Amino acid sequence: MTSIPVVSRVSLRARRGFSAVAGVLAAVLVLSGCSAEEAPVEVPAPKNLTLTIGALVPQSGALEQFGPAVSAAIALAAQDVNDAKVKLTVNVETRDSGDSSGTTPEDAADELLAASATVIIGGLSNGISKKVIDKITDAGVVQISPANDSPDFTNYDDSKLYWRTSPSCALEGSALGAEMAERIDGSIAILSEDVLCGPLLPRAVGETFQRGGGEVIVEEAIDAAATGLDDQIAAAIAAEPDAVAILGSTQAEKIATAFIAAGYTGDQLFFSGLSLGERGAGFAAGSLTGSVVTQPGLDVSTISDFTNRLLEINPDLKDFSYAAESYDAVILASLAALAAQKTSGKGISSKLQEVSGGSGDGEIATTFADAAEIILAGGAVDYDGVSGPITLSDNGDPQDANIGIYQYGSDNVYTRIN
């Protein structure tokens, strides 16, 4: 509910009376040698704190390729915290999260809880987190995922202990819808695999496009197993939309190929996430020219200082996916512990939104050392990290997100344009 300020009407005579009283008080203060300024607030000395952070990192399974960069980023963040020497020591316990196909995530979470971790970074996939979120939060431990994008976590019953530094996939839908509204004057079709993000992704695309003045004339949920797919594609093409949004990965090539065969050019095809990605080689030369792809995450080329530091920890790194988000997860947890002067899950959770700039009026800082200095001086901090402003909401979601816009060239290779 919006609070409406009450405006007092004071007569001229009353205002003069107030002025006279104020003058007398000022004279008394001067004569008595007192100062009208408030005495400086005394900031308590910080405690010696030790924070154990658990890392659920994929060292096996389908996500193994992402493990090295995530491990290096968590190690680098812990190093930066410890090097700041602010009476906060971070210890990291790492366990293999595997993937969601077995019991590896649950076993790893049990081991991290047994190691007295009060913050656990991970998992990377939505499936892994869904397996361990209740186990972690029921233990009163904070979970921060650097990669989860499922909207299911936004309103999850987690006692405010689940947070993430990657945005919900609905934000990607808004970015794609806005890009389509800028480029397409007319109508669109939306074909989406419902397993990708549920209904929120296509809804965000459609609503954003409509706010831009366009019309959605087809919206179909596509079965990833291809049941009835040919008929759905044919019906969408028959509706003659001016462009199509293809949301999903399994059937993206088939859908795009059918629209191209029907006479659609690349600048009429839009994709979300890794729905098509770099798989342009299977298409005729030039058929994807102008096609647009959205993908969450910042432009890695803009954070070379950060990636160079990661290479000092692991010179063999090739893929930096989720590294910035993992680093920021550790820094946020550490700043929250420092602000709360507690390393319990509840204590850290009570300050996570504040130190991210999601509440309060904190002073912006971009390094742990600078942010810690503000906190220890008695101030509030707004940490803007390597991955971006973050700005966590009440339900633990980043309110600011980096959604990259990529475009295919005539060689069917896509490059980032925004």
Protein backbone atom coordinates (compact mmCIF):
# COMPACT_ATOMS: atom_id res chain seq x y z
CA MET A 1 0.00 0.00 0.00
CA THR A 2 1.32 3.44 -0.93
CA SER A 3 1.91 5.76 1.99
CA ILE A 4 0.50 9.25 1.42
CA PRO A 5 2.32 12.00 3.35
CA VAL A 6 0.23 14.26 5.57
CA VAL A 7 0.87 17.95 4.91
CA SER A 8 0.48 20.29 7.91
CA ARG A 9 -0.75 23.85 7.33
CA VAL A 10 0.91 26.21 9.81
CA SER A 11 -0.19 29.87 10.22
CA LEU A 12 2.30 32.71 9.71
CA ARG A 13 1.95 33.63 13.37
CA ALA A 14 2.72 30.06 14.45
CA ARG A 15 5.70 29.88 12.12
CA ARG A 16 7.03 33.14 13.60
CA GLY A 17 6.58 31.66 17.05
CA PHE A 18 8.52 28.56 16.04
CA SER A 19 11.30 30.77 14.64
CA ALA A 20 11.56 32.75 17.88
CA VAL A 21 11.77 29.57 19.95
CA ALA A 22 14.39 28.15 17.61
CA GLY A 23 16.42 31.34 17.96
CA VAL A 24 16.32 31.14 21.75
CA LEU A 25 17.36 27.48 21.70
CA ALA A 26 20.24 28.27 19.34
CA ALA A 27 21.41 31.07 21.66
CA VAL A 28 21.24 28.77 24.67
CA LEU A 29 23.32 26.16 22.85
CA VAL A 30 25.95 28.73 21.91
CA LEU A 31 26.11 30.21 25.42
CA SER A 32 26.34 26.80 27.03
CA GLY A 33 29.10 25.72 24.66
CA CYS A 34 27.05 22.74 23.43
CA SER A 35 26.99 21.58 19.82
CA ALA A 36 23.80 20.90 17.87
CA GLU A 37 25.60 18.12 16.00
CA GLU A 38 24.96 14.55 17.05
CA ALA A 39 27.73 12.71 18.81
CA PRO A 40 29.48 10.21 16.52
CA VAL A 41 28.05 6.71 16.63
CA GLU A 42 30.39 4.26 18.25
CA VAL A 43 30.84 1.18 16.05
CA PRO A 44 31.48 -2.07 17.98
CA ALA A 45 34.74 -3.83 17.24
CA PRO A 46 34.20 -6.73 14.80
CA LYS A 47 34.31 -10.27 16.09
CA ASN A 48 36.69 -12.93 14.80
CA LEU A 49 34.45 -14.94 12.48
CA THR A 50 35.05 -18.20 10.63
CA LEU A 51 32.69 -19.07 7.79
CA THR A 52 32.57 -22.55 6.28
CA ILE A 53 31.23 -22.49 2.72
CA GLY A 54 30.23 -25.70 1.01
CA ALA A 55 30.63 -25.95 -2.75
CA LEU A 56 28.40 -28.29 -4.77
CA VAL A 57 30.53 -28.48 -7.91
CA PRO A 58 30.01 -30.86 -10.85
CA GLN A 59 33.16 -33.01 -11.02
CA SER A 60 31.39 -35.81 -12.88
CA GLY A 61 28.31 -36.31 -15.00
CA ALA A 62 26.69 -34.19 -17.70
CA LEU A 63 27.76 -30.87 -16.17
CA GLU A 64 31.39 -31.78 -15.53
CA GLN A 65 32.70 -29.26 -18.09
CA PHE A 66 31.50 -26.37 -15.89
CA GLY A 67 33.12 -27.62 -12.69
CA PRO A 68 36.69 -26.28 -13.11
CA ALA A 69 35.68 -22.63 -13.61
CA VAL A 70 33.17 -22.73 -10.74
CA SER A 71 35.79 -24.27 -8.42
CA ALA A 72 38.38 -21.67 -9.43
CA ALA A 73 35.92 -18.81 -8.90
CA ILE A 74 34.93 -20.01 -5.42
CA ALA A 75 38.60 -20.44 -4.48
CA LEU A 76 39.43 -16.94 -5.79
CA ALA A 77 36.58 -15.36 -3.83
CA ALA A 78 37.66 -17.10 -0.61
CA GLN A 79 41.21 -15.89 -1.24
CA ASP A 80 40.03 -12.29 -1.69
CA VAL A 81 38.03 -12.43 1.54
CA ASN A 82 40.90 -13.87 3.54
CA ASP A 83 43.45 -11.46 2.04
CA ALA A 84 41.31 -8.50 3.18
CA LYS A 85 42.11 -9.39 6.83
CA VAL A 86 38.85 -8.11 8.31
CA LYS A 87 38.56 -10.76 11.03
CA LEU A 88 36.57 -13.01 8.70
CA THR A 89 38.12 -16.28 7.59
CA VAL A 90 36.45 -18.32 4.86
CA ASN A 91 37.07 -22.05 4.56
CA VAL A 92 35.74 -23.95 1.53
CA GLU A 93 34.60 -27.57 1.51
CA THR A 94 34.01 -28.93 -2.01
CA ARG A 95 31.99 -32.00 -2.98
CA ASP A 96 30.99 -33.46 -6.35
CA SER A 97 27.38 -32.58 -7.19
CA GLY A 98 27.34 -34.86 -10.24
CA ASP A 99 24.12 -34.36 -12.17
CA SER A 100 20.46 -34.94 -11.39
CA SER A 101 20.42 -38.52 -12.70
CA GLY A 102 21.56 -40.19 -9.46
CA THR A 103 21.92 -39.65 -5.72
CA THR A 104 25.27 -37.85 -5.93
CA PRO A 105 23.75 -34.41 -5.14
CA GLU A 106 22.02 -35.63 -1.99
CA ASP A 107 25.12 -37.48 -0.78
CA ALA A 108 27.26 -34.40 -1.39
CA ALA A 109 24.83 -32.14 0.47
CA ASP A 110 24.85 -34.52 3.45
CA GLU A 111 28.65 -34.38 3.56
CA LEU A 112 28.72 -30.58 3.39
CA LEU A 113 26.18 -30.29 6.19
CA ALA A 114 28.24 -32.73 8.25
CA ALA A 115 31.26 -30.46 7.62
CA SER A 116 29.31 -27.62 9.35
CA ALA A 117 28.85 -25.50 6.21
CA THR A 118 26.35 -22.71 6.87
CA VAL A 119 26.33 -21.59 3.22
CA ILE A 120 26.29 -23.95 0.23
CA ILE A 121 27.04 -22.67 -3.27
CA GLY A 122 25.20 -24.71 -5.91
CA GLY A 123 23.81 -26.58 -7.63
CA LEU A 124 24.24 -25.60 -11.22
CA SER A 125 21.22 -27.32 -12.72
CA ASN A 126 17.62 -26.84 -11.63
CA GLY A 127 17.33 -30.60 -11.22
CA ILE A 128 20.21 -30.79 -8.75
CA SER A 129 18.89 -27.93 -6.65
CA LYS A 130 15.41 -29.44 -6.55
CA LYS A 131 16.95 -32.59 -5.09
CA VAL A 132 18.81 -30.83 -2.29
CA ILE A 133 16.97 -27.57 -1.51
CA ASP A 134 14.77 -29.04 1.23
CA LYS A 135 17.68 -30.89 2.82
CA ILE A 136 19.79 -27.73 2.92
CA THR A 137 17.21 -25.17 3.98
CA ASP A 138 15.56 -27.48 6.54
CA ALA A 139 18.98 -27.62 8.21
CA GLY A 140 18.94 -23.82 8.53
CA VAL A 141 21.70 -23.45 5.93
CA VAL A 142 21.78 -20.86 3.14
CA GLN A 143 21.84 -22.14 -0.44
CA ILE A 144 23.01 -19.80 -3.22
CA SER A 145 22.87 -21.09 -6.79
CA PRO A 146 25.01 -19.42 -9.45
CA ALA A 147 23.04 -20.94 -12.32
CA ASN A 148 19.44 -21.94 -11.50
CA ASP A 149 16.91 -20.24 -13.79
CA SER A 150 13.68 -22.12 -13.04
CA PRO A 151 10.77 -19.91 -11.96
CA ASP A 152 9.83 -22.65 -9.48
CA PHE A 153 12.40 -21.28 -7.03
CA THR A 154 10.96 -17.75 -6.95
CA ASN A 155 8.17 -18.56 -4.49
CA TYR A 156 9.61 -21.74 -3.02
CA ASP A 157 8.93 -22.39 0.67
CA ASP A 158 12.56 -22.05 1.76
CA SER A 159 12.33 -19.86 4.90
CA LYS A 160 14.29 -17.19 2.95
CA LEU A 161 17.34 -19.44 2.85
CA TYR A 162 17.48 -20.09 -0.92
CA TRP A 163 19.04 -17.36 -3.10
CA ARG A 164 20.55 -17.19 -6.57
CA THR A 165 22.89 -14.95 -8.50
CA SER A 166 21.45 -15.96 -11.89
CA PRO A 167 18.09 -14.62 -13.07
CA SER A 168 14.85 -16.48 -13.58
CA CYS A 169 14.37 -17.48 -17.20
CA ALA A 170 11.30 -15.22 -17.32
CA LEU A 171 13.69 -12.25 -17.53
CA GLU A 172 15.18 -13.75 -20.68
CA GLY A 173 11.69 -13.89 -22.16
CA SER A 174 11.25 -10.17 -21.52
CA ALA A 175 14.59 -9.44 -23.21
CA LEU A 176 13.67 -11.52 -26.27
CA GLY A 177 10.21 -9.94 -26.48
CA ALA A 178 11.71 -6.46 -26.35
CA GLU A 179 14.20 -7.31 -29.09
CA MET A 180 11.40 -8.66 -31.28
CA ALA A 181 9.30 -5.54 -30.66
CA GLU A 182 12.18 -3.38 -31.90
CA ARG A 183 12.68 -5.43 -35.05
CA ILE A 184 9.23 -6.73 -36.02
CA ASP A 185 6.27 -4.56 -36.96
CA GLY A 186 3.30 -6.90 -37.00
CA SER A 187 2.55 -10.34 -35.58
CA ILE A 188 4.52 -13.28 -34.20
CA ALA A 189 4.12 -16.95 -33.40
CA ILE A 190 5.61 -18.44 -30.23
CA LEU A 191 6.54 -22.12 -30.20
CA SER A 192 7.98 -23.29 -26.88
CA GLU A 193 8.99 -26.54 -25.28
CA ASP A 194 7.19 -26.47 -21.94
CA VAL A 195 10.05 -28.27 -20.18
CA LEU A 196 12.40 -25.32 -20.71
CA CYS A 197 10.90 -22.79 -18.32
CA GLY A 198 7.26 -23.67 -17.99
CA PRO A 199 4.70 -21.10 -19.12
CA LEU A 200 6.56 -18.06 -17.79
CA LEU A 201 9.06 -17.82 -20.66
CA PRO A 202 6.59 -17.67 -23.57
CA ARG A 203 4.26 -15.48 -21.50
CA ALA A 204 7.08 -12.97 -20.90
CA VAL A 205 7.97 -12.95 -24.61
CA GLY A 206 4.37 -12.41 -25.66
CA GLU A 207 3.46 -9.77 -23.10
CA THR A 208 6.59 -7.74 -23.78
CA PHE A 209 6.07 -7.92 -27.54
CA GLN A 210 2.44 -6.83 -27.15
CA ARG A 211 3.44 -3.89 -24.96
CA GLY A 212 5.65 -2.84 -27.87
CA GLY A 213 2.60 -2.68 -30.12
CA GLY A 214 2.75 -6.12 -31.74
CA GLU A 215 0.30 -9.03 -31.83
CA VAL A 216 0.76 -12.68 -30.84
CA ILE A 217 -1.36 -14.78 -33.21
CA VAL A 218 0.02 -18.25 -32.38
CA GLU A 219 1.25 -19.61 -29.05
CA GLU A 220 1.93 -23.34 -28.98
CA ALA A 221 3.54 -25.57 -26.37
CA ILE A 222 5.79 -28.02 -28.20
CA ASP A 223 6.20 -31.59 -27.02
CA ALA A 224 9.92 -32.30 -26.73
CA ALA A 225 9.16 -35.89 -27.79
CA ALA A 226 7.79 -34.50 -31.09
CA THR A 227 4.25 -35.85 -30.71
CA GLY A 228 2.09 -33.92 -33.17
CA LEU A 229 4.95 -31.56 -33.89
CA ASP A 230 4.57 -31.48 -37.69
CA ASP A 231 0.93 -30.45 -37.41
CA GLN A 232 1.74 -27.72 -34.88
CA ILE A 233 4.48 -26.27 -37.07
CA ALA A 234 2.28 -26.39 -40.17
CA ALA A 235 -0.54 -24.60 -38.33
CA ALA A 236 1.85 -21.89 -37.09
CA ILE A 237 3.20 -21.30 -40.60
CA ALA A 238 -0.34 -21.25 -42.06
CA ALA A 239 -1.22 -18.39 -39.67
CA GLU A 240 1.40 -16.29 -41.54
CA PRO A 241 3.08 -14.55 -38.60
CA ASP A 242 5.70 -11.94 -39.44
CA ALA A 243 8.23 -13.70 -37.22
CA VAL A 244 8.55 -16.68 -34.90
CA ALA A 245 10.04 -17.11 -31.43
CA ILE A 246 11.48 -20.61 -30.97
CA LEU A 247 11.90 -21.40 -27.28
CA GLY A 248 13.54 -24.71 -26.50
CA SER A 249 16.48 -26.88 -27.49
CA THR A 250 15.39 -30.35 -28.56
CA GLN A 251 13.19 -29.35 -31.51
CA ALA A 252 14.68 -25.94 -32.35
CA GLU A 253 16.46 -27.07 -35.52
CA LYS A 254 13.41 -28.86 -36.85
CA ILE A 255 11.14 -25.86 -36.26
CA ALA A 256 13.62 -23.41 -37.78
CA THR A 257 14.19 -25.63 -40.81
CA ALA A 258 10.44 -25.84 -41.47
CA PHE A 259 10.00 -22.05 -41.31
CA ILE A 260 12.99 -21.51 -43.61
CA ALA A 261 11.54 -24.03 -46.08
CA ALA A 262 8.29 -22.03 -45.98
CA GLY A 263 10.16 -18.90 -47.11
CA TYR A 264 11.11 -17.26 -43.80
CA THR A 265 14.45 -15.49 -43.72
CA GLY A 266 16.90 -15.40 -40.86
CA ASP A 267 15.77 -11.98 -39.63
CA GLN A 268 12.33 -13.45 -38.94
CA LEU A 269 13.68 -16.19 -36.61
CA PHE A 270 14.29 -15.60 -32.91
CA PHE A 271 15.67 -18.09 -30.39
CA SER A 272 16.03 -18.21 -26.62
CA GLY A 273 18.98 -19.44 -24.62
CA LEU A 274 20.83 -22.36 -26.15
CA SER A 275 17.82 -23.32 -28.27
CA LEU A 276 19.99 -23.17 -31.36
CA GLY A 277 23.26 -21.78 -30.07
CA GLU A 278 26.23 -22.52 -32.28
CA ARG A 279 24.45 -25.24 -34.24
CA GLY A 280 24.28 -23.14 -37.40
CA ALA A 281 26.43 -25.50 -39.45
CA GLY A 282 23.47 -27.70 -40.36
CA PHE A 283 21.69 -24.93 -42.23
CA ALA A 284 22.15 -23.71 -45.78
CA ALA A 285 24.66 -20.86 -46.08
CA GLY A 286 23.08 -17.53 -45.22
CA SER A 287 19.75 -18.99 -44.13
CA LEU A 288 20.23 -17.78 -40.56
CA THR A 289 21.59 -14.33 -41.42
CA GLY A 290 20.04 -11.84 -39.00
CA SER A 291 18.58 -14.45 -36.66
CA VAL A 292 18.66 -13.37 -33.02
CA VAL A 293 19.51 -15.48 -29.97
CA THR A 294 19.20 -14.40 -26.33
CA GLN A 295 21.34 -16.04 -23.67
CA PRO A 296 21.73 -15.17 -19.96
CA GLY A 297 25.14 -14.08 -18.76
CA LEU A 298 27.56 -11.25 -19.16
CA ASP A 299 30.00 -10.83 -22.03
CA VAL A 300 33.08 -12.71 -20.81
CA SER A 301 35.33 -10.54 -23.00
CA THR A 302 34.47 -7.56 -20.78
CA ILE A 303 35.86 -9.18 -17.61
CA SER A 304 39.33 -10.15 -18.77
CA ASP A 305 40.88 -9.01 -15.48
CA PHE A 306 38.67 -11.51 -13.68
CA THR A 307 39.24 -14.38 -16.10
CA ASN A 308 43.00 -13.76 -16.02
CA ARG A 309 42.90 -14.14 -12.24
CA LEU A 310 41.00 -17.41 -12.64
CA LEU A 311 43.68 -18.64 -15.03
CA GLU A 312 46.27 -18.02 -12.34
CA ILE A 313 44.39 -20.54 -10.19
CA ASN A 314 43.71 -22.99 -13.03
CA PRO A 315 45.70 -22.34 -16.25
CA ASP A 316 43.74 -25.04 -18.10
CA LEU A 317 40.39 -23.23 -18.01
CA LYS A 318 38.62 -22.93 -21.35
CA ASP A 319 34.99 -22.35 -20.34
CA PHE A 320 34.17 -19.57 -17.83
CA SER A 321 30.42 -20.25 -17.61
CA TYR A 322 28.94 -19.49 -14.16
CA ALA A 323 32.33 -18.39 -12.78
CA ALA A 324 31.36 -14.75 -12.19
CA GLU A 325 28.07 -15.77 -10.58
CA SER A 326 29.88 -18.28 -8.32
CA TYR A 327 32.46 -15.70 -7.26
CA ASP A 328 29.75 -13.19 -6.39
CA ALA A 329 27.81 -15.79 -4.41
CA VAL A 330 30.79 -16.28 -2.09
CA ILE A 331 31.42 -12.53 -1.76
CA LEU A 332 27.77 -11.80 -0.95
CA ALA A 333 27.66 -14.54 1.69
CA SER A 334 30.86 -13.21 3.25
CA LEU A 335 29.62 -9.61 3.30
CA ALA A 336 26.34 -10.74 4.85
CA ALA A 337 28.23 -12.59 7.59
CA LEU A 338 30.33 -9.49 8.23
CA ALA A 339 27.27 -7.23 8.34
CA ALA A 340 25.38 -9.58 10.65
CA GLN A 341 28.48 -10.41 12.70
CA LYS A 342 27.17 -13.97 12.55
CA THR A 343 28.03 -16.98 10.41
CA SER A 344 24.79 -18.89 11.00
CA GLY A 345 22.52 -19.49 8.04
CA LYS A 346 19.79 -17.35 9.58
CA GLY A 347 22.22 -14.51 10.32
CA ILE A 348 23.66 -14.50 6.81
CA SER A 349 20.21 -14.71 5.23
CA SER A 350 19.08 -11.67 7.22
CA LYS A 351 21.68 -9.48 5.48
CA LEU A 352 21.95 -10.94 1.96
CA GLN A 353 19.36 -8.67 0.39
CA GLU A 354 20.85 -5.59 2.03
CA VAL A 355 24.46 -6.18 0.98
CA SER A 356 23.32 -6.86 -2.60
CA GLY A 357 21.60 -3.47 -2.77
CA GLY A 358 18.14 -5.03 -2.85
CA SER A 359 17.09 -3.15 0.29
CA GLY A 360 18.28 -0.11 2.19
CA ASP A 361 20.37 2.69 0.75
CA GLY A 362 23.85 1.22 0.73
CA GLU A 363 27.02 2.70 -0.68
CA ILE A 364 28.15 1.00 -3.89
CA ALA A 365 31.35 -1.04 -3.77
CA THR A 366 32.77 -3.41 -6.38
CA THR A 367 35.33 -5.36 -4.34
CA PHE A 368 35.08 -7.30 -1.11
CA ALA A 369 37.78 -5.19 0.55
CA ASP A 370 36.02 -1.89 -0.23
CA ALA A 371 32.64 -3.27 0.77
CA ALA A 372 34.01 -4.65 4.04
CA GLU A 373 35.52 -1.26 4.88
CA ILE A 374 32.09 0.39 4.54
CA ILE A 375 30.45 -2.23 6.75
CA LEU A 376 33.11 -2.04 9.46
CA ALA A 377 32.75 1.76 9.53
CA GLY A 378 29.10 1.28 10.45
CA GLY A 379 27.62 1.85 6.99
CA ALA A 380 25.45 -0.21 4.66
CA VAL A 381 26.92 -1.52 1.41
CA ASP A 382 25.52 -2.22 -2.06
CA TYR A 383 27.86 -4.75 -3.66
CA ASP A 384 27.95 -4.66 -7.45
CA GLY A 385 29.84 -7.76 -8.48
CA VAL A 386 31.68 -9.24 -11.40
CA SER A 387 28.40 -10.63 -12.73
CA GLY A 388 26.58 -7.29 -12.44
CA PRO A 389 24.54 -5.29 -9.91
CA ILE A 390 22.69 -8.45 -8.67
CA THR A 391 20.20 -6.54 -6.42
CA LEU A 392 18.41 -9.44 -4.73
CA SER A 393 14.65 -9.26 -4.23
CA ASP A 394 12.63 -10.42 -1.21
CA ASN A 395 12.33 -13.88 -2.74
CA GLY A 396 16.03 -14.25 -3.48
CA ASP A 397 16.02 -13.49 -7.22
CA PRO A 398 18.37 -10.98 -8.88
CA GLN A 399 16.37 -7.97 -10.03
CA ASP A 400 19.10 -6.91 -12.45
CA ALA A 401 20.36 -9.41 -14.98
CA ASN A 402 22.71 -9.62 -17.93
CA ILE A 403 20.91 -11.07 -20.95
CA GLY A 404 23.14 -11.22 -23.98
CA ILE A 405 21.77 -10.55 -27.47
CA TYR A 406 23.51 -12.55 -30.22
CA GLN A 407 23.01 -12.41 -33.98
CA TYR A 408 23.92 -14.79 -36.79
CA GLY A 409 26.00 -13.59 -39.68
CA SER A 410 26.03 -14.86 -43.26
CA ASP A 411 28.42 -17.62 -42.19
CA ASN A 412 25.75 -19.00 -39.80
CA VAL A 413 27.95 -18.15 -36.81
CA TYR A 414 26.54 -15.96 -34.07
CA THR A 415 28.29 -13.18 -32.22
CA ARG A 416 27.23 -11.03 -29.30
CA ILE A 417 25.87 -7.63 -30.33
CA ASN A 418 24.60 -6.40 -26.94
